[in-house]
């Protein structure tokens, strides 16, 4: 009989339980002896951390310096360096917007993500005009270097 029981046993115990689930832990009353249960929010707070902000700020600073001072570099490559600076600034701005969107921030005047509300067309038009004006001024600045 013992030989049969030893053959049925695996390295970590029997292959199947005979009565279903076995009790091997404390009862629920024994687990919370200090009083009532306390619910804790496990989601992180919605804010940008320093490790998210540092590369964005660094890239935008380097890009703006390259864009604002292309004549400080010697040679005939001022316009190329200015365009590279503009590209780096735009990449840092896009990276910052995506990081802010990921933590739940939104542009002023626009509804929060997932709220189901539609944005006001005047606010969207205002943002589009602002981006267009900045792009035209940046291209005009770089074109003047030639």
C-alpha atoms as a PDB file:
ATOM      1  CA  UNK A   1       0.000   0.000   0.000  1.00  0.00           C
ATOM      2  CA  UNK A   2       2.821   2.416   0.831  1.00  0.00           C
ATOM      3  CA  UNK A   3       4.535   1.563  -2.426  1.00  0.00           C
ATOM      4  CA  UNK A   4       1.392   2.583  -4.343  1.00  0.00           C
ATOM      5  CA  UNK A   5       1.162   5.881  -2.441  1.00  0.00           C
ATOM      6  CA  UNK A   6       4.812   6.667  -3.141  1.00  0.00           C
ATOM      7  CA  UNK A   7       4.332   5.987  -6.856  1.00  0.00           C
ATOM      8  CA  UNK A   8       1.342   8.365  -7.004  1.00  0.00           C
ATOM      9  CA  UNK A   9       3.264  11.188  -5.337  1.00  0.00           C
ATOM     10  CA  UNK A  10       5.182  13.660  -7.448  1.00  0.00           C
ATOM     11  CA  UNK A  11       8.166  15.622  -6.179  1.00  0.00           C
ATOM     12  CA  UNK A  12       5.921  18.371  -4.830  1.00  0.00           C
ATOM     13  CA  UNK A  13       2.946  16.351  -3.577  1.00  0.00           C
ATOM     14  CA  UNK A  14      -0.040  14.439  -4.881  1.00  0.00           C
ATOM     15  CA  UNK A  15      -1.091  14.917  -8.485  1.00  0.00           C
ATOM     16  CA  UNK A  16      -4.674  15.778  -7.586  1.00  0.00           C
ATOM     17  CA  UNK A  17      -6.509  16.730  -4.416  1.00  0.00           C
ATOM     18  CA  UNK A  18      -9.129  14.290  -3.289  1.00  0.00           C
ATOM     19  CA  UNK A  19     -11.521  16.730  -1.585  1.00  0.00           C
ATOM     20  CA  UNK A  20     -11.033  19.715  -3.913  1.00  0.00           C
ATOM     21  CA  UNK A  21      -9.347  22.733  -2.382  1.00  0.00           C
ATOM     22  CA  UNK A  22      -7.395  22.204   0.812  1.00  0.00           C
ATOM     23  CA  UNK A  23      -7.128  24.785   3.553  1.00  0.00           C
ATOM     24  CA  UNK A  24      -3.533  25.764   3.997  1.00  0.00           C
ATOM     25  CA  UNK A  25      -3.751  29.434   4.901  1.00  0.00           C
ATOM     26  CA  UNK A  26      -5.284  31.607   7.591  1.00  0.00           C
ATOM     27  CA  UNK A  27      -8.985  32.270   7.673  1.00  0.00           C
ATOM     28  CA  UNK A  28     -10.126  35.725   6.506  1.00  0.00           C
ATOM     29  CA  UNK A  29     -10.845  36.747  10.109  1.00  0.00           C
ATOM     30  CA  UNK A  30      -7.287  35.861  11.116  1.00  0.00           C
ATOM     31  CA  UNK A  31      -5.738  37.894   8.309  1.00  0.00           C
ATOM     32  CA  UNK A  32      -7.174  41.259   9.403  1.00  0.00           C
ATOM     33  CA  UNK A  33      -6.821  41.260  13.173  1.00  0.00           C
ATOM     34  CA  UNK A  34      -5.923  44.964  13.353  1.00  0.00           C
ATOM     35  CA  UNK A  35      -9.399  46.258  12.498  1.00  0.00           C
ATOM     36  CA  UNK A  36     -11.400  46.865   9.370  1.00  0.00           C
ATOM     37  CA  UNK A  37      -9.889  46.590   5.920  1.00  0.00           C
ATOM     38  CA  UNK A  38      -8.420  49.737   4.414  1.00  0.00           C
ATOM     39  CA  UNK A  39      -8.635  50.334   0.672  1.00  0.00           C
ATOM     40  CA  UNK A  40      -5.547  51.898  -0.891  1.00  0.00           C
ATOM     41  CA  UNK A  41      -5.387  53.419  -4.379  1.00  0.00           C
ATOM     42  CA  UNK A  42      -2.751  51.524  -6.347  1.00  0.00           C
ATOM     43  CA  UNK A  43      -2.709  53.754  -9.433  1.00  0.00           C
ATOM     44  CA  UNK A  44       0.065  56.354  -9.494  1.00  0.00           C
ATOM     45  CA  UNK A  45      -0.743  60.015  -9.239  1.00  0.00           C
ATOM     46  CA  UNK A  46      -1.128  61.836 -12.537  1.00  0.00           C
ATOM     47  CA  UNK A  47       1.934  64.036 -12.726  1.00  0.00           C
ATOM     48  CA  UNK A  48       5.070  64.206 -14.791  1.00  0.00           C
ATOM     49  CA  UNK A  49       8.098  62.776 -13.035  1.00  0.00           C
ATOM     50  CA  UNK A  50      11.603  64.266 -13.219  1.00  0.00           C
ATOM     51  CA  UNK A  51      12.832  61.389 -15.410  1.00  0.00           C
ATOM     52  CA  UNK A  52      10.138  62.323 -17.937  1.00  0.00           C
ATOM     53  CA  UNK A  53      10.818  66.055 -17.811  1.00  0.00           C
ATOM     54  CA  UNK A  54      14.638  66.095 -17.815  1.00  0.00           C
ATOM     55  CA  UNK A  55      15.212  64.779 -21.367  1.00  0.00           C
ATOM     56  CA  UNK A  56      12.412  66.962 -22.743  1.00  0.00           C
ATOM     57  CA  UNK A  57      13.818  70.111 -21.161  1.00  0.00           C
ATOM     58  CA  UNK A  58      17.373  69.195 -22.186  1.00  0.00           C
ATOM     59  CA  UNK A  59      16.457  68.541 -25.803  1.00  0.00           C
ATOM     60  CA  UNK A  60      14.376  71.684 -26.067  1.00  0.00           C
ATOM     61  CA  UNK A  61      17.187  73.801 -24.572  1.00  0.00           C
ATOM     62  CA  UNK A  62      19.777  72.388 -26.978  1.00  0.00           C
ATOM     63  CA  UNK A  63      17.397  72.754 -29.909  1.00  0.00           C
ATOM     64  CA  UNK A  64      16.471  76.313 -29.072  1.00  0.00           C
ATOM     65  CA  UNK A  65      20.132  77.282 -28.702  1.00  0.00           C
ATOM     66  CA  UNK A  66      20.902  75.736 -32.078  1.00  0.00           C
ATOM     67  CA  UNK A  67      17.920  77.512 -33.605  1.00  0.00           C
ATOM     68  CA  UNK A  68      18.454  80.893 -31.956  1.00  0.00           C
ATOM     69  CA  UNK A  69      22.224  81.185 -32.439  1.00  0.00           C
ATOM     70  CA  UNK A  70      23.154  79.556 -35.763  1.00  0.00           C
ATOM     71  CA  UNK A  71      25.493  82.389 -36.657  1.00  0.00           C
ATOM     72  CA  UNK A  72      27.663  81.556 -33.647  1.00  0.00           C
ATOM     73  CA  UNK A  73      28.844  78.501 -35.550  1.00  0.00           C
ATOM     74  CA  UNK A  74      31.474  79.353 -38.108  1.00  0.00           C
ATOM     75  CA  UNK A  75      31.180  78.538 -41.756  1.00  0.00           C
ATOM     76  CA  UNK A  76      28.321  78.562 -44.230  1.00  0.00           C
ATOM     77  CA  UNK A  77      26.211  76.008 -42.402  1.00  0.00           C
ATOM     78  CA  UNK A  78      24.106  78.423 -40.296  1.00  0.00           C
ATOM     79  CA  UNK A  79      20.820  77.580 -42.014  1.00  0.00           C
ATOM     80  CA  UNK A  80      21.418  73.845 -41.724  1.00  0.00           C
ATOM     81  CA  UNK A  81      22.201  74.091 -38.027  1.00  0.00           C
ATOM     82  CA  UNK A  82      19.144  76.321 -37.493  1.00  0.00           C
ATOM     83  CA  UNK A  83      16.889  73.780 -39.217  1.00  0.00           C
ATOM     84  CA  UNK A  84      18.402  71.002 -37.105  1.00  0.00           C
ATOM     85  CA  UNK A  85      17.732  73.074 -33.988  1.00  0.00           C
ATOM     86  CA  UNK A  86      14.157  73.652 -35.112  1.00  0.00           C
ATOM     87  CA  UNK A  87      13.722  69.924 -35.670  1.00  0.00           C
ATOM     88  CA  UNK A  88      15.094  69.102 -32.212  1.00  0.00           C
ATOM     89  CA  UNK A  89      12.781  71.720 -30.629  1.00  0.00           C
ATOM     90  CA  UNK A  90       9.756  70.260 -32.408  1.00  0.00           C
ATOM     91  CA  UNK A  91      10.700  66.739 -31.347  1.00  0.00           C
ATOM     92  CA  UNK A  92      11.056  67.811 -27.720  1.00  0.00           C
ATOM     93  CA  UNK A  93       7.711  69.619 -27.859  1.00  0.00           C
ATOM     94  CA  UNK A  94       6.001  66.554 -29.320  1.00  0.00           C
ATOM     95  CA  UNK A  95       7.631  64.305 -26.745  1.00  0.00           C
ATOM     96  CA  UNK A  96       6.436  66.631 -23.974  1.00  0.00           C
ATOM     97  CA  UNK A  97       2.890  66.698 -25.322  1.00  0.00           C
ATOM     98  CA  UNK A  98       2.752  62.909 -25.531  1.00  0.00           C
ATOM     99  CA  UNK A  99       4.112  62.517 -21.997  1.00  0.00           C
ATOM    100  CA  UNK A 100       1.550  65.025 -20.697  1.00  0.00           C
ATOM    101  CA  UNK A 101      -1.246  63.272 -22.562  1.00  0.00           C
ATOM    102  CA  UNK A 102      -0.185  59.919 -21.133  1.00  0.00           C
ATOM    103  CA  UNK A 103      -0.546  61.166 -17.544  1.00  0.00           C
ATOM    104  CA  UNK A 104      -3.922  62.736 -18.344  1.00  0.00           C
ATOM    105  CA  UNK A 105      -3.157  66.407 -18.929  1.00  0.00           C
ATOM    106  CA  UNK A 106      -4.897  68.272 -21.727  1.00  0.00           C
ATOM    107  CA  UNK A 107      -4.526  71.614 -23.472  1.00  0.00           C
ATOM    108  CA  UNK A 108      -6.421  74.530 -21.900  1.00  0.00           C
ATOM    109  CA  UNK A 109      -9.897  74.808 -23.385  1.00  0.00           C
ATOM    110  CA  UNK A 110     -10.001  71.192 -24.609  1.00  0.00           C
ATOM    111  CA  UNK A 111     -12.075  68.484 -22.851  1.00  0.00           C
ATOM    112  CA  UNK A 112     -10.277  65.758 -20.916  1.00  0.00           C
ATOM    113  CA  UNK A 113      -9.498  62.535 -22.740  1.00  0.00           C
ATOM    114  CA  UNK A 114     -12.288  59.975 -22.512  1.00  0.00           C
ATOM    115  CA  UNK A 115     -14.919  62.473 -21.372  1.00  0.00           C
ATOM    116  CA  UNK A 116     -16.987  62.048 -24.548  1.00  0.00           C
ATOM    117  CA  UNK A 117     -17.301  65.804 -25.083  1.00  0.00           C
ATOM    118  CA  UNK A 118     -16.266  67.394 -28.366  1.00  0.00           C
ATOM    119  CA  UNK A 119     -13.705  70.216 -28.376  1.00  0.00           C
ATOM    120  CA  UNK A 120     -14.881  73.710 -29.248  1.00  0.00           C
ATOM    121  CA  UNK A 121     -13.969  74.536 -32.868  1.00  0.00           C
ATOM    122  CA  UNK A 122     -12.771  78.030 -31.889  1.00  0.00           C
ATOM    123  CA  UNK A 123     -10.195  76.620 -29.477  1.00  0.00           C
ATOM    124  CA  UNK A 124      -8.957  74.130 -32.081  1.00  0.00           C
ATOM    125  CA  UNK A 125      -8.778  76.891 -34.695  1.00  0.00           C
ATOM    126  CA  UNK A 126      -6.839  79.097 -32.275  1.00  0.00           C
ATOM    127  CA  UNK A 127      -4.285  76.356 -31.607  1.00  0.00           C
ATOM    128  CA  UNK A 128      -3.953  75.628 -35.345  1.00  0.00           C
ATOM    129  CA  UNK A 129      -3.359  79.337 -36.091  1.00  0.00           C
ATOM    130  CA  UNK A 130      -0.779  79.579 -33.316  1.00  0.00           C
ATOM    131  CA  UNK A 131       1.152  76.570 -34.663  1.00  0.00           C
ATOM    132  CA  UNK A 132       0.942  77.925 -38.226  1.00  0.00           C
ATOM    133  CA  UNK A 133       2.276  81.355 -37.192  1.00  0.00           C
ATOM    134  CA  UNK A 134       5.178  79.824 -35.266  1.00  0.00           C
ATOM    135  CA  UNK A 135       6.028  77.529 -38.206  1.00  0.00           C
ATOM    136  CA  UNK A 136       5.951  80.422 -40.698  1.00  0.00           C
ATOM    137  CA  UNK A 137       8.157  82.583 -38.462  1.00  0.00           C
ATOM    138  CA  UNK A 138      10.630  79.726 -37.965  1.00  0.00           C
ATOM    139  CA  UNK A 139      10.898  78.971 -41.665  1.00  0.00           C
ATOM    140  CA  UNK A 140      11.198  82.707 -42.448  1.00  0.00           C
ATOM    141  CA  UNK A 141      14.013  83.010 -39.853  1.00  0.00           C
ATOM    142  CA  UNK A 142      15.948  80.120 -41.358  1.00  0.00           C
ATOM    143  CA  UNK A 143      15.331  81.324 -44.930  1.00  0.00           C
ATOM    144  CA  UNK A 144      16.758  84.745 -44.023  1.00  0.00           C
ATOM    145  CA  UNK A 145      20.064  83.085 -43.106  1.00  0.00           C
ATOM    146  CA  UNK A 146      20.671  82.126 -46.732  1.00  0.00           C
END
